[in-house]
Amino acid sequence: MNRRGAVAVVILAAGKGTRMKSNLPKVLHTLAGKPLLEHVLKTARALDPEKIVVIAGHRSEMVMERFKDEDIEFAIQEPQSGTGHAMAQAEDHFKGFAGMIIALSGDAPLLKPETLKQMIKTHKESGAVITMLTCELSDPASYGRVIRIEGEIRANVEAKDATEDQLLIKEINSGIYVFDAGFLFPALKTVDNHNAQGEYYLTDLISIAVKKGMKVSGVIAKDISETMGVNTIEELESLEKKGY
């Protein structure tokens, strides 16, 4: 498992999903009769990855039981201390792996394989260590903004930390990434939790890469719905009504 062009997938699926108001892990809620995580796994498999690692957390035993017959590996995040902390739990599954690691969200069921393939292509051609999927919203509200200088991604700024000018930016980070494995895990060890939530965030890797003079590239999603995470029962019902 050391081919540089190799692809593996990590699916972040540890969240409790408090706003779902349910004891069921968020990723086990169903859309079109299948768990959200099953939709994401189908997209991941379309990339023919060398392995798929699912990061489970809240009621992890339920998630592992539901998918015990699948050809996937599990890592446990306990406690849930942010997306960066979640990804770090996968490190032991990638010893000697020098390829690309695709980070997906277990609650974003509409993402298409074609979008991920475009991200991989951009990642290879640009020589980036991080390629992020972004989208443009007419009203980004509380989403973190993607900061570009002369077209190059330089930072991801949370809305609460953004200047008035930065709040005018419409491009936001979807939380879906392609990482070089050789950059990812060493960089995660340098992420701190000096923020209001006291958590470790994957987004911090963007500034870490930029400070090291490494390239961060981005692909803008053509269809905003692909980047949507399901956070409430109402959102899930809305997708059902739209026929997804």
Protein backbone atom coordinates (compact mmCIF):
# COMPACT_ATOMS: atom_id res chain seq x y z
CA MET A 1 0.00 0.00 0.00
CA ASN A 2 2.59 2.54 -1.01
CA ARG A 3 1.67 3.62 -4.55
CA ARG A 4 1.55 7.41 -4.71
CA GLY A 5 -1.43 7.33 -7.06
CA ALA A 6 -3.40 5.04 -4.77
CA VAL A 7 -6.70 6.21 -3.28
CA ALA A 8 -8.21 5.41 0.11
CA VAL A 9 -11.27 6.83 1.83
CA VAL A 10 -12.00 7.91 5.39
CA ILE A 11 -15.64 8.57 6.26
CA LEU A 12 -16.26 10.73 9.32
CA ALA A 13 -19.31 9.18 10.97
CA ALA A 14 -18.80 9.69 14.70
CA GLY A 15 -21.22 12.56 15.32
CA LYS A 16 -24.11 12.27 17.73
CA GLY A 17 -26.41 14.34 15.55
CA THR A 18 -27.98 16.18 18.49
CA ARG A 19 -30.34 18.14 16.25
CA MET A 20 -31.83 14.87 14.95
CA LYS A 21 -33.37 14.45 18.42
CA SER A 22 -32.95 10.69 18.25
CA ASN A 23 -30.97 7.99 20.04
CA LEU A 24 -30.02 6.54 16.67
CA PRO A 25 -26.56 7.52 15.36
CA LYS A 26 -27.06 10.20 12.71
CA VAL A 27 -25.54 8.11 9.91
CA LEU A 28 -28.06 5.29 10.52
CA HIS A 29 -31.05 7.49 9.75
CA THR A 30 -32.45 6.44 6.39
CA LEU A 31 -32.90 8.17 3.05
CA ALA A 32 -34.76 6.25 0.32
CA GLY A 33 -34.79 3.22 2.61
CA LYS A 34 -31.02 3.10 3.17
CA PRO A 35 -28.86 4.51 5.99
CA LEU A 36 -27.13 7.79 5.16
CA LEU A 37 -23.79 6.04 5.58
CA GLU A 38 -24.74 3.43 2.97
CA HIS A 39 -25.21 6.17 0.37
CA VAL A 40 -21.77 7.57 1.19
CA LEU A 41 -20.19 4.10 1.03
CA LYS A 42 -21.65 3.58 -2.45
CA THR A 43 -20.01 6.82 -3.61
CA ALA A 44 -16.72 5.84 -1.98
CA ARG A 45 -16.68 2.41 -3.64
CA ALA A 46 -17.08 4.01 -7.07
CA LEU A 47 -13.50 5.29 -6.65
CA ASP A 48 -12.21 1.71 -6.31
CA PRO A 49 -10.25 2.64 -3.18
CA GLU A 50 -7.58 0.44 -1.61
CA LYS A 51 -9.49 0.66 1.65
CA ILE A 52 -12.37 2.46 3.34
CA VAL A 53 -12.09 3.41 7.00
CA VAL A 54 -15.20 4.58 8.86
CA ILE A 55 -14.69 6.70 11.97
CA ALA A 56 -17.47 5.74 14.37
CA GLY A 57 -18.16 7.36 17.72
CA HIS A 58 -21.62 7.93 19.16
CA ARG A 59 -23.16 4.47 19.69
CA SER A 60 -20.37 3.04 17.55
CA GLU A 61 -21.48 -0.52 18.27
CA MET A 62 -24.72 0.11 16.36
CA VAL A 63 -22.88 1.44 13.32
CA MET A 64 -20.38 -1.43 13.37
CA GLU A 65 -23.14 -4.03 13.74
CA ARG A 66 -25.14 -2.57 10.84
CA PHE A 67 -22.14 -2.65 8.49
CA LYS A 68 -20.30 -5.69 9.87
CA ASP A 69 -20.61 -7.59 6.59
CA GLU A 70 -19.14 -4.77 4.51
CA ASP A 71 -15.53 -4.72 3.33
CA ILE A 72 -14.61 -1.72 5.46
CA GLU A 73 -12.48 -0.99 8.51
CA PHE A 74 -13.50 0.92 11.62
CA ALA A 75 -11.73 3.34 13.93
CA ILE A 76 -13.36 4.73 17.07
CA GLN A 77 -13.38 8.38 18.11
CA GLU A 78 -14.03 8.68 21.83
CA PRO A 79 -14.68 11.33 22.96
CA GLN A 80 -15.82 13.32 19.92
CA SER A 81 -13.34 16.20 19.88
CA GLY A 82 -13.62 17.63 16.39
CA THR A 83 -12.99 16.60 12.80
CA GLY A 84 -9.20 16.76 13.11
CA HIS A 85 -9.29 14.49 16.14
CA ALA A 86 -11.61 12.13 14.24
CA MET A 87 -9.26 11.85 11.27
CA ALA A 88 -6.29 11.24 13.56
CA GLN A 89 -7.96 8.04 14.78
CA ALA A 90 -7.45 6.54 11.31
CA GLU A 91 -3.66 6.85 11.31
CA ASP A 92 -2.96 3.25 12.35
CA HIS A 93 -4.88 2.06 9.28
CA PHE A 94 -2.49 3.84 6.92
CA LYS A 95 0.98 2.72 7.95
CA GLY A 96 3.14 2.78 4.82
CA PHE A 97 0.39 4.32 2.68
CA ALA A 98 1.72 7.12 0.46
CA GLY A 99 -1.30 7.84 -1.71
CA MET A 100 -4.32 10.10 -1.45
CA ILE A 101 -6.85 9.98 1.37
CA ILE A 102 -10.35 11.20 0.56
CA ALA A 103 -12.20 12.59 3.59
CA LEU A 104 -15.98 12.27 3.34
CA SER A 105 -18.81 13.09 5.71
CA GLY A 106 -21.09 10.24 6.69
CA ASP A 107 -24.12 12.54 6.67
CA ALA A 108 -23.71 13.95 3.13
CA PRO A 109 -25.52 11.35 0.99
CA LEU A 110 -25.86 13.27 -2.29
CA LEU A 111 -22.19 13.57 -3.23
CA LYS A 112 -21.44 12.13 -6.67
CA PRO A 113 -18.39 10.01 -7.60
CA GLU A 114 -17.79 12.27 -10.62
CA THR A 115 -17.19 15.22 -8.30
CA LEU A 116 -14.64 13.26 -6.28
CA LYS A 117 -12.91 12.09 -9.47
CA GLN A 118 -12.61 15.74 -10.53
CA MET A 119 -11.10 16.56 -7.14
CA ILE A 120 -8.55 13.74 -7.52
CA LYS A 121 -7.65 14.96 -11.02
CA THR A 122 -7.21 18.54 -9.79
CA HIS A 123 -5.18 17.32 -6.81
CA LYS A 124 -2.76 15.40 -9.03
CA GLU A 125 -2.40 18.12 -11.65
CA SER A 126 -1.94 20.98 -9.18
CA GLY A 127 0.59 19.25 -6.95
CA ALA A 128 -1.46 20.22 -3.90
CA VAL A 129 -1.26 18.51 -0.51
CA ILE A 130 -4.91 19.42 0.15
CA THR A 131 -7.73 19.77 -2.35
CA MET A 132 -11.02 20.90 -0.90
CA LEU A 133 -14.53 20.84 -2.30
CA THR A 134 -16.12 24.25 -2.00
CA CYS A 135 -19.43 25.74 -3.04
CA GLU A 136 -20.85 29.20 -3.55
CA LEU A 137 -23.92 30.25 -1.57
CA SER A 138 -25.99 33.38 -2.08
CA ASP A 139 -26.22 33.66 1.72
CA PRO A 140 -23.29 31.87 3.38
CA ALA A 141 -24.48 33.03 6.82
CA SER A 142 -22.52 31.20 9.54
CA TYR A 143 -20.38 29.05 7.23
CA GLY A 144 -16.61 29.42 7.15
CA ARG A 145 -15.33 31.44 4.19
CA VAL A 146 -12.66 30.33 1.72
CA ILE A 147 -10.03 33.04 1.37
CA ARG A 148 -8.27 33.24 -1.99
CA ILE A 149 -5.44 35.56 -3.04
CA GLU A 150 -4.94 35.78 -6.81
CA GLY A 151 -7.04 32.65 -7.15
CA GLU A 152 -4.98 30.61 -4.68
CA ILE A 153 -6.62 29.29 -1.50
CA ARG A 154 -4.83 30.82 1.47
CA ALA A 155 -7.13 30.21 4.41
CA ASN A 156 -10.50 29.11 5.74
CA VAL A 157 -11.94 31.69 8.12
CA GLU A 158 -14.85 30.92 10.43
CA ALA A 159 -17.71 33.41 10.14
CA LYS A 160 -17.35 34.55 13.73
CA ASP A 161 -13.69 35.40 13.10
CA ALA A 162 -14.19 36.99 9.66
CA THR A 163 -13.79 40.68 8.82
CA GLU A 164 -16.63 42.60 7.16
CA ASP A 165 -14.95 42.18 3.77
CA GLN A 166 -14.45 38.45 4.31
CA LEU A 167 -18.12 38.04 5.22
CA LEU A 168 -18.97 39.23 1.69
CA ILE A 169 -17.27 36.13 0.27
CA LYS A 170 -19.76 33.58 -1.09
CA GLU A 171 -17.39 30.59 -1.36
CA ILE A 172 -17.51 28.17 1.57
CA ASN A 173 -15.78 24.95 2.57
CA SER A 174 -17.90 21.79 2.25
CA GLY A 175 -15.75 19.67 4.57
CA ILE A 176 -14.86 17.21 1.80
CA TYR A 177 -11.15 16.86 1.04
CA VAL A 178 -8.39 15.05 -0.80
CA PHE A 179 -5.19 14.85 1.28
CA ASP A 180 -1.71 13.57 0.57
CA ALA A 181 -1.27 10.90 3.24
CA GLY A 182 2.35 11.94 3.75
CA PHE A 183 1.21 15.43 4.70
CA LEU A 184 -2.01 14.57 6.54
CA PHE A 185 -1.01 12.62 9.61
CA PRO A 186 2.18 14.53 10.54
CA ALA A 187 0.26 17.80 10.12
CA LEU A 188 -2.60 16.58 12.31
CA LYS A 189 -0.14 16.22 15.17
CA THR A 190 0.44 19.99 15.05
CA VAL A 191 -3.24 20.99 15.21
CA ASP A 192 -4.30 22.49 18.56
CA ASN A 193 -7.68 23.02 20.18
CA HIS A 194 -7.28 26.70 21.05
CA ASN A 195 -10.76 27.69 19.94
CA ALA A 196 -14.14 28.41 21.48
CA GLN A 197 -15.24 24.78 21.18
CA GLY A 198 -11.98 23.28 22.47
CA GLU A 199 -11.90 20.92 19.48
CA TYR A 200 -9.37 19.88 16.82
CA TYR A 201 -10.39 20.86 13.30
CA LEU A 202 -9.40 19.56 9.86
CA THR A 203 -9.77 23.11 8.55
CA ASP A 204 -6.65 24.10 10.51
CA LEU A 205 -4.62 21.98 8.08
CA ILE A 206 -5.20 24.61 5.39
CA SER A 207 -3.25 27.31 7.22
CA ILE A 208 -0.61 24.75 8.25
CA ALA A 209 -0.03 23.83 4.60
CA VAL A 210 0.06 27.46 3.46
CA LYS A 211 2.58 28.40 6.15
CA LYS A 212 4.81 25.56 4.95
CA GLY A 213 4.62 26.88 1.39
CA MET A 214 2.56 23.91 0.24
CA LYS A 215 -0.28 24.22 -2.25
CA VAL A 216 -3.96 24.01 -1.37
CA SER A 217 -6.32 23.66 -4.32
CA GLY A 218 -10.09 23.77 -4.57
CA VAL A 219 -12.89 22.46 -6.74
CA ILE A 220 -16.19 24.36 -6.73
CA ALA A 221 -19.20 22.04 -6.64
CA LYS A 222 -21.48 22.54 -9.64
CA ASP A 223 -24.47 21.29 -7.67
CA ILE A 224 -24.73 22.73 -4.16
CA SER A 225 -26.96 19.84 -3.02
CA GLU A 226 -23.97 17.48 -3.26
CA THR A 227 -22.32 19.24 -0.34
CA MET A 228 -25.37 19.24 1.91
CA GLY A 229 -25.12 17.46 5.22
CA VAL A 230 -28.30 16.20 6.89
CA ASN A 231 -28.61 17.77 10.34
CA THR A 232 -32.28 17.48 11.24
CA ILE A 233 -35.21 15.14 10.69
CA GLU A 234 -36.87 17.98 8.77
CA GLU A 235 -33.95 18.17 6.34
CA LEU A 236 -34.12 14.41 5.86
CA GLU A 237 -37.86 14.57 5.18
CA SER A 238 -37.26 17.41 2.70
CA LEU A 239 -34.81 15.25 0.73
CA GLU A 240 -37.29 12.37 0.73
CA LYS A 241 -39.99 14.65 -0.69
CA LYS A 242 -37.63 15.83 -3.43
CA GLY A 243 -37.17 12.23 -4.48
CA TYR A 244 -33.52 11.69 -3.55
